[in-house]
C-alpha atoms as a PDB file:
ATOM      1  CA  MET A   1       7.369  47.020  23.064  1.00  0.00           C
ATOM      2  CA  ARG A   2       6.359  45.302  26.267  1.00  0.00           C
ATOM      3  CA  GLY A   3       5.117  47.561  28.980  1.00  0.00           C
ATOM      4  CA  ASP A   4       4.688  50.286  26.296  1.00  0.00           C
ATOM      5  CA  ALA A   5       7.988  51.761  27.305  1.00  0.00           C
ATOM      6  CA  ILE A   6       9.657  53.366  24.322  1.00  0.00           C
ATOM      7  CA  THR A   7      13.338  53.862  25.037  1.00  0.00           C
ATOM      8  CA  ARG A   8      15.921  55.571  22.780  1.00  0.00           C
ATOM      9  CA  MET A   9      19.688  56.134  22.624  1.00  0.00           C
ATOM     10  CA  CYS A  10      22.366  53.861  23.888  1.00  0.00           C
ATOM     11  CA  PRO A  11      21.986  50.715  26.066  1.00  0.00           C
ATOM     12  CA  SER A  12      21.808  51.251  29.921  1.00  0.00           C
ATOM     13  CA  ALA A  13      24.998  50.644  32.032  1.00  0.00           C
ATOM     14  CA  ALA A  14      25.507  49.444  35.531  1.00  0.00           C
ATOM     15  CA  VAL A  15      26.349  52.015  38.087  1.00  0.00           C
ATOM     16  CA  VAL A  16      26.968  52.274  41.784  1.00  0.00           C
ATOM     17  CA  THR A  17      25.268  55.290  43.628  1.00  0.00           C
ATOM     18  CA  ALA A  18      25.930  56.434  47.130  1.00  0.00           C
ATOM     19  CA  VAL A  19      22.638  57.432  48.570  1.00  0.00           C
ATOM     20  CA  ILE A  20      22.565  59.623  51.741  1.00  0.00           C
ATOM     21  CA  MET A  21      19.376  58.950  53.694  1.00  0.00           C
ATOM     22  CA  GLY A  22      18.035  60.421  56.878  1.00  0.00           C
ATOM     23  CA  LEU A  23      19.262  57.643  59.185  1.00  0.00           C
ATOM     24  CA  GLY A  24      22.693  56.833  57.684  1.00  0.00           C
ATOM     25  CA  TRP A  25      24.503  55.723  54.590  1.00  0.00           C
ATOM     26  CA  HIS A  26      22.765  53.180  52.121  1.00  0.00           C
ATOM     27  CA  LEU A  27      24.667  51.827  49.092  1.00  0.00           C
ATOM     28  CA  LEU A  28      22.300  51.383  46.182  1.00  0.00           C
ATOM     29  CA  VAL A  29      23.728  49.070  43.348  1.00  0.00           C
ATOM     30  CA  VAL A  30      21.639  49.599  40.311  1.00  0.00           C
ATOM     31  CA  ALA A  31      21.858  48.025  36.775  1.00  0.00           C
ATOM     32  CA  GLY A  32      19.818  49.924  33.971  1.00  0.00           C
ATOM     33  CA  GLN A  33      20.985  53.517  34.684  1.00  0.00           C
ATOM     34  CA  ALA A  34      19.280  55.674  31.939  1.00  0.00           C
ATOM     35  CA  PRO A  35      22.005  57.621  29.961  1.00  0.00           C
ATOM     36  CA  PRO A  36      21.549  61.426  29.118  1.00  0.00           C
ATOM     37  CA  GLY A  37      19.297  62.140  26.332  1.00  0.00           C
ATOM     38  CA  LYS A  38      17.090  58.977  26.800  1.00  0.00           C
ATOM     39  CA  THR A  39      13.287  59.191  26.457  1.00  0.00           C
ATOM     40  CA  SER A  40      10.844  56.724  27.963  1.00  0.00           C
ATOM     41  CA  GLU A  41       7.184  56.756  27.371  1.00  0.00           C
ATOM     42  CA  TRP A  42       4.156  54.845  28.655  1.00  0.00           C
ATOM     43  CA  ASN A  43       0.681  55.051  27.081  1.00  0.00           C
ATOM     44  CA  PHE A  44      -0.673  51.687  28.157  1.00  0.00           C
ATOM     45  CA  ASP A  45      -2.519  51.184  24.879  1.00  0.00           C
ATOM     46  CA  LYS A  46      -1.010  47.790  24.097  1.00  0.00           C
ATOM     47  CA  GLU A  47      -1.213  46.468  27.794  1.00  0.00           C
ATOM     48  CA  PRO A  48      -3.659  43.849  28.642  1.00  0.00           C
ATOM     49  CA  ILE A  49      -6.808  45.280  30.346  1.00  0.00           C
ATOM     50  CA  GLY A  50      -7.530  44.430  33.962  1.00  0.00           C
ATOM     51  CA  ARG A  51      -4.009  44.322  35.483  1.00  0.00           C
ATOM     52  CA  ALA A  52      -1.006  46.454  36.028  1.00  0.00           C
ATOM     53  CA  PRO A  53       1.506  47.126  33.272  1.00  0.00           C
ATOM     54  CA  ALA A  54       3.905  44.171  32.629  1.00  0.00           C
ATOM     55  CA  ARG A  55       6.984  45.894  33.851  1.00  0.00           C
ATOM     56  CA  ALA A  56       5.526  47.713  36.816  1.00  0.00           C
ATOM     57  CA  THR A  57       5.967  46.656  40.419  1.00  0.00           C
ATOM     58  CA  VAL A  58       2.894  47.514  42.617  1.00  0.00           C
ATOM     59  CA  PHE A  59       3.824  48.535  46.094  1.00  0.00           C
ATOM     60  CA  SER A  60       0.197  48.990  47.283  1.00  0.00           C
ATOM     61  CA  GLY A  61      -3.251  49.713  46.122  1.00  0.00           C
ATOM     62  CA  ASN A  62      -5.226  48.368  43.131  1.00  0.00           C
ATOM     63  CA  TRP A  63      -3.566  49.349  39.826  1.00  0.00           C
ATOM     64  CA  ALA A  64      -5.016  48.235  36.545  1.00  0.00           C
ATOM     65  CA  VAL A  65      -5.178  49.297  32.895  1.00  0.00           C
ATOM     66  CA  ARG A  66      -8.687  50.037  31.638  1.00  0.00           C
ATOM     67  CA  ALA A  67     -10.352  51.681  28.792  1.00  0.00           C
ATOM     68  CA  GLU A  68     -10.988  55.159  29.700  1.00  0.00           C
ATOM     69  CA  ALA A  69     -13.275  57.668  27.743  1.00  0.00           C
ATOM     70  CA  GLY A  70     -11.396  60.792  26.864  1.00  0.00           C
ATOM     71  CA  ALA A  71      -7.979  59.491  27.587  1.00  0.00           C
ATOM     72  CA  PRO A  72      -5.287  61.721  26.227  1.00  0.00           C
ATOM     73  CA  SER A  73      -3.847  58.597  24.399  1.00  0.00           C
ATOM     74  CA  PRO A  74      -7.019  56.533  23.546  1.00  0.00           C
ATOM     75  CA  PRO A  75      -8.372  54.128  24.295  1.00  0.00           C
ATOM     76  CA  ASN A  76      -6.464  53.028  27.680  1.00  0.00           C
ATOM     77  CA  ALA A  77      -5.276  54.607  30.889  1.00  0.00           C
ATOM     78  CA  LEU A  78      -3.731  53.209  34.044  1.00  0.00           C
ATOM     79  CA  CYS A  79      -6.043  53.592  36.938  1.00  0.00           C
ATOM     80  CA  GLN A  80      -5.858  53.254  40.739  1.00  0.00           C
ATOM     81  CA  THR A  81      -9.117  52.190  42.283  1.00  0.00           C
ATOM     82  CA  GLY A  82      -8.191  50.688  45.641  1.00  0.00           C
ATOM     83  CA  VAL A  83      -7.951  52.005  49.200  1.00  0.00           C
ATOM     84  CA  ALA A  84      -4.633  52.148  50.903  1.00  0.00           C
ATOM     85  CA  GLU A  85      -2.685  54.624  52.964  1.00  0.00           C
ATOM     86  CA  PHE A  86      -0.289  55.473  49.988  1.00  0.00           C
ATOM     87  CA  PRO A  87      -1.095  53.499  46.581  1.00  0.00           C
ATOM     88  CA  ALA A  88       2.067  53.401  44.626  1.00  0.00           C
ATOM     89  CA  LEU A  89       3.918  51.585  41.957  1.00  0.00           C
ATOM     90  CA  SER A  90       7.199  51.756  39.969  1.00  0.00           C
ATOM     91  CA  LEU A  91       6.881  51.652  36.132  1.00  0.00           C
ATOM     92  CA  SER A  92      10.030  49.729  35.276  1.00  0.00           C
ATOM     93  CA  GLU A  93      13.430  48.894  36.542  1.00  0.00           C
ATOM     94  CA  SER A  94      15.262  51.832  34.818  1.00  0.00           C
ATOM     95  CA  VAL A  95      17.050  54.031  36.959  1.00  0.00           C
ATOM     96  CA  TYR A  96      17.096  57.821  36.423  1.00  0.00           C
ATOM     97  CA  THR A  97      19.414  60.691  37.840  1.00  0.00           C
ATOM     98  CA  ASP A  98      18.525  63.954  36.423  1.00  0.00           C
ATOM     99  CA  ALA A  99      15.244  63.920  34.564  1.00  0.00           C
ATOM    100  CA  THR A 100      12.065  65.644  33.503  1.00  0.00           C
ATOM    101  CA  VAL A 101       8.899  63.585  34.181  1.00  0.00           C
ATOM    102  CA  GLU A 102       5.405  64.380  32.883  1.00  0.00           C
ATOM    103  CA  ALA A 103       2.164  62.507  33.277  1.00  0.00           C
ATOM    104  CA  SER A 104      -1.491  63.161  32.430  1.00  0.00           C
ATOM    105  CA  PHE A 105      -3.768  62.538  35.291  1.00  0.00           C
ATOM    106  CA  LYS A 106      -7.503  62.651  36.139  1.00  0.00           C
ATOM    107  CA  PRO A 107      -8.779  62.563  39.660  1.00  0.00           C
ATOM    108  CA  ILE A 108     -12.125  60.839  39.552  1.00  0.00           C
ATOM    109  CA  SER A 109     -13.331  60.411  42.997  1.00  0.00           C
ATOM    110  CA  GLY A 110     -12.367  60.149  46.786  1.00  0.00           C
ATOM    111  CA  HIS A 111     -14.035  61.489  49.884  1.00  0.00           C
ATOM    112  CA  GLU A 112     -10.661  61.600  51.970  1.00  0.00           C
ATOM    113  CA  ASP A 113      -8.366  62.550  48.966  1.00  0.00           C
ATOM    114  CA  GLN A 114      -8.356  63.017  45.245  1.00  0.00           C
ATOM    115  CA  ALA A 115      -4.587  62.817  44.732  1.00  0.00           C
ATOM    116  CA  ALA A 116      -2.239  62.135  41.898  1.00  0.00           C
ATOM    117  CA  GLY A 117       1.486  61.925  42.257  1.00  0.00           C
ATOM    118  CA  ILE A 118       4.581  61.094  40.291  1.00  0.00           C
ATOM    119  CA  ILE A 119       7.239  59.349  42.530  1.00  0.00           C
ATOM    120  CA  PHE A 120      10.897  59.559  41.525  1.00  0.00           C
ATOM    121  CA  ARG A 121      14.294  58.507  42.564  1.00  0.00           C
ATOM    122  CA  ILE A 122      12.660  55.405  44.060  1.00  0.00           C
ATOM    123  CA  GLN A 123      15.004  53.282  46.132  1.00  0.00           C
ATOM    124  CA  ASP A 124      12.264  50.821  47.203  1.00  0.00           C
ATOM    125  CA  LYS A 125       8.582  50.928  48.340  1.00  0.00           C
ATOM    126  CA  ASP A 126       9.415  52.950  51.446  1.00  0.00           C
ATOM    127  CA  ASN A 127      12.025  55.506  50.055  1.00  0.00           C
ATOM    128  CA  TYR A 128      11.449  58.040  47.327  1.00  0.00           C
ATOM    129  CA  TYR A 129      10.396  61.628  46.349  1.00  0.00           C
ATOM    130  CA  ILE A 130       6.825  62.512  45.542  1.00  0.00           C
ATOM    131  CA  ALA A 131       5.438  65.491  43.331  1.00  0.00           C
ATOM    132  CA  ARG A 132       1.609  65.342  44.270  1.00  0.00           C
ATOM    133  CA  ALA A 133      -1.459  67.335  43.076  1.00  0.00           C
ATOM    134  CA  ASN A 134      -4.702  67.154  45.197  1.00  0.00           C
ATOM    135  CA  ALA A 135      -8.138  68.151  43.854  1.00  0.00           C
ATOM    136  CA  LEU A 136      -9.613  68.348  47.287  1.00  0.00           C
ATOM    137  CA  GLU A 137      -6.900  70.574  48.574  1.00  0.00           C
ATOM    138  CA  ASP A 138      -6.073  72.640  45.529  1.00  0.00           C
ATOM    139  CA  ASN A 139      -2.324  72.442  45.919  1.00  0.00           C
ATOM    140  CA  LEU A 140       0.866  70.873  44.533  1.00  0.00           C
ATOM    141  CA  ASN A 141       3.335  69.578  47.176  1.00  0.00           C
ATOM    142  CA  ILE A 142       6.766  67.894  47.202  1.00  0.00           C
ATOM    143  CA  TYR A 143       7.516  65.249  49.686  1.00  0.00           C
ATOM    144  CA  LYS A 144       9.946  62.528  50.562  1.00  0.00           C
ATOM    145  CA  PHE A 145       9.047  59.195  51.713  1.00  0.00           C
ATOM    146  CA  ILE A 146      11.705  57.748  54.161  1.00  0.00           C
ATOM    147  CA  HIS A 147      11.420  54.300  55.678  1.00  0.00           C
ATOM    148  CA  GLY A 148       7.704  54.580  55.041  1.00  0.00           C
ATOM    149  CA  ARG A 149       7.083  57.998  56.527  1.00  0.00           C
ATOM    150  CA  ARG A 150       6.050  60.951  54.443  1.00  0.00           C
ATOM    151  CA  ILE A 151       7.866  64.231  54.994  1.00  0.00           C
ATOM    152  CA  PHE A 152       6.717  67.539  53.585  1.00  0.00           C
ATOM    153  CA  ILE A 153       9.328  69.512  51.757  1.00  0.00           C
ATOM    154  CA  LYS A 154       7.522  72.465  49.992  1.00  0.00           C
ATOM    155  CA  GLY A 155       4.245  73.291  48.447  1.00  0.00           C
ATOM    156  CA  ALA A 156       2.126  75.786  46.483  1.00  0.00           C
ATOM    157  CA  ASN A 157      -1.612  76.474  46.111  1.00  0.00           C
ATOM    158  CA  ALA A 158      -2.950  75.571  42.653  1.00  0.00           C
ATOM    159  CA  LYS A 159      -6.317  74.737  41.112  1.00  0.00           C
ATOM    160  CA  VAL A 160      -6.584  71.073  40.555  1.00  0.00           C
ATOM    161  CA  SER A 161      -9.828  70.002  38.991  1.00  0.00           C
ATOM    162  CA  SER A 162     -11.808  66.607  39.444  1.00  0.00           C
ATOM    163  CA  ASN A 163     -12.852  64.611  36.515  1.00  0.00           C
ATOM    164  CA  LYS A 164     -10.710  66.588  34.199  1.00  0.00           C
ATOM    165  CA  TRP A 165      -7.355  65.484  32.533  1.00  0.00           C
ATOM    166  CA  GLN A 166      -4.426  67.665  33.565  1.00  0.00           C
ATOM    167  CA  GLN A 167      -0.787  67.331  33.388  1.00  0.00           C
ATOM    168  CA  LEU A 168       1.607  66.908  36.349  1.00  0.00           C
ATOM    169  CA  GLY A 169       5.310  67.479  35.881  1.00  0.00           C
ATOM    170  CA  VAL A 170       8.614  67.380  37.880  1.00  0.00           C
ATOM    171  CA  GLU A 171      12.144  68.295  36.984  1.00  0.00           C
ATOM    172  CA  VAL A 172      14.943  67.017  39.082  1.00  0.00           C
ATOM    173  CA  THR A 173      18.602  68.098  38.700  1.00  0.00           C
ATOM    174  CA  GLY A 174      21.087  67.262  41.341  1.00  0.00           C
ATOM    175  CA  SER A 175      19.484  68.366  44.573  1.00  0.00           C
ATOM    176  CA  ARG A 176      16.960  70.860  42.990  1.00  0.00           C
ATOM    177  CA  ILE A 177      13.270  69.641  42.423  1.00  0.00           C
ATOM    178  CA  ARG A 178      10.777  71.734  40.472  1.00  0.00           C
ATOM    179  CA  GLY A 179       7.083  70.900  40.212  1.00  0.00           C
ATOM    180  CA  SER A 180       4.740  72.182  37.609  1.00  0.00           C
ATOM    181  CA  LEU A 181       0.940  71.729  36.911  1.00  0.00           C
ATOM    182  CA  ASN A 182      -0.353  72.192  33.224  1.00  0.00           C
ATOM    183  CA  GLY A 183       2.971  73.371  32.125  1.00  0.00           C
ATOM    184  CA  GLN A 184       3.220  76.190  34.804  1.00  0.00           C
ATOM    185  CA  PRO A 185       6.138  75.763  37.299  1.00  0.00           C
ATOM    186  CA  LEU A 186       4.660  76.294  40.797  1.00  0.00           C
ATOM    187  CA  VAL A 187       7.164  74.921  43.338  1.00  0.00           C
ATOM    188  CA  GLU A 188      10.732  74.431  43.674  1.00  0.00           C
ATOM    189  CA  ALA A 189      12.817  72.863  46.487  1.00  0.00           C
ATOM    190  CA  SER A 190      16.228  71.535  47.310  1.00  0.00           C
ATOM    191  CA  ASP A 191      16.915  68.179  48.962  1.00  0.00           C
ATOM    192  CA  ASP A 192      19.864  65.759  48.581  1.00  0.00           C
ATOM    193  CA  THR A 193      18.397  62.605  50.268  1.00  0.00           C
ATOM    194  CA  PHE A 194      18.273  60.553  47.033  1.00  0.00           C
ATOM    195  CA  ARG A 195      20.602  60.995  44.142  1.00  0.00           C
ATOM    196  CA  ALA A 196      19.123  58.430  41.642  1.00  0.00           C
ATOM    197  CA  GLY A 197      16.274  56.006  41.381  1.00  0.00           C
ATOM    198  CA  LYS A 198      13.225  54.535  39.461  1.00  0.00           C
ATOM    199  CA  ILE A 199      10.149  56.293  38.243  1.00  0.00           C
ATOM    200  CA  GLY A 200       6.554  55.677  39.464  1.00  0.00           C
ATOM    201  CA  LEU A 201       3.008  56.854  40.076  1.00  0.00           C
ATOM    202  CA  TRP A 202       1.231  57.452  43.512  1.00  0.00           C
ATOM    203  CA  THR A 203      -2.112  58.289  45.087  1.00  0.00           C
ATOM    204  CA  LYS A 204      -3.482  58.615  48.604  1.00  0.00           C
ATOM    205  CA  ALA A 205      -6.131  56.945  50.632  1.00  0.00           C
ATOM    206  CA  ASP A 206      -9.416  56.458  48.633  1.00  0.00           C
ATOM    207  CA  SER A 207      -8.370  58.481  45.626  1.00  0.00           C
ATOM    208  CA  VAL A 208      -9.582  56.918  42.376  1.00  0.00           C
ATOM    209  CA  THR A 209      -7.190  58.443  39.770  1.00  0.00           C
ATOM    210  CA  CYS A 210      -6.248  57.579  36.163  1.00  0.00           C
ATOM    211  CA  PHE A 211      -2.963  58.308  34.494  1.00  0.00           C
ATOM    212  CA  ASP A 212      -1.784  58.315  30.893  1.00  0.00           C
ATOM    213  CA  ASN A 213       1.035  59.579  28.628  1.00  0.00           C
ATOM    214  CA  ILE A 214       3.994  59.390  31.188  1.00  0.00           C
ATOM    215  CA  ARG A 215       7.032  60.625  29.527  1.00  0.00           C
ATOM    216  CA  VAL A 216      10.584  60.573  31.194  1.00  0.00           C
ATOM    217  CA  THR A 217      13.510  62.470  29.596  1.00  0.00           C
ATOM    218  CA  THR A 218      16.963  62.260  31.019  1.00  0.00           C
ATOM    219  CA  ARG A 219      19.600  65.016  30.847  1.00  0.00           C
END
């Protein structure tokens, strides 16, 4: 399937979601609400080399599929190699409410940062949540991004290795957000700014980071 997104269960339905944001009410009208029990997966192995996945929307940075030795799902991975304040993209137009998201990641290099993040409940390029692991800081943090400004919610110390494939996970149910690293839950927070949105990937500054085997399961 185009975009390497494998979807199961019933067709998506249009919904209207009221989203409370820090500076007032915003009404988000979305088509493509993912129903409970749906699984979507991306492994990038059927995507053309040298560009972002077909259904992705790049917010910033230089995102491209490339052959990556040792990728969990060989031969390809999606890698961010540019320099920007917060390189990010959404993976598709599908909208998720309560879901578990998992992604394999490898921080390769970066003098300022070596970050890998899952962004979720994306409203647009300036409004979403982030679950972020950093190999230079050895931590896993939860943030929200509101009107282009990153706001820390909660974090935990954790060993994050450079040049090694690891697994980042986030589970969101209602206002509860749980972040995990390599299957171990590390941080839990509560925030009700965003109630639904798209799924994507994120890095920071000069991070060169690769991603593979993204899996989203709705509840």
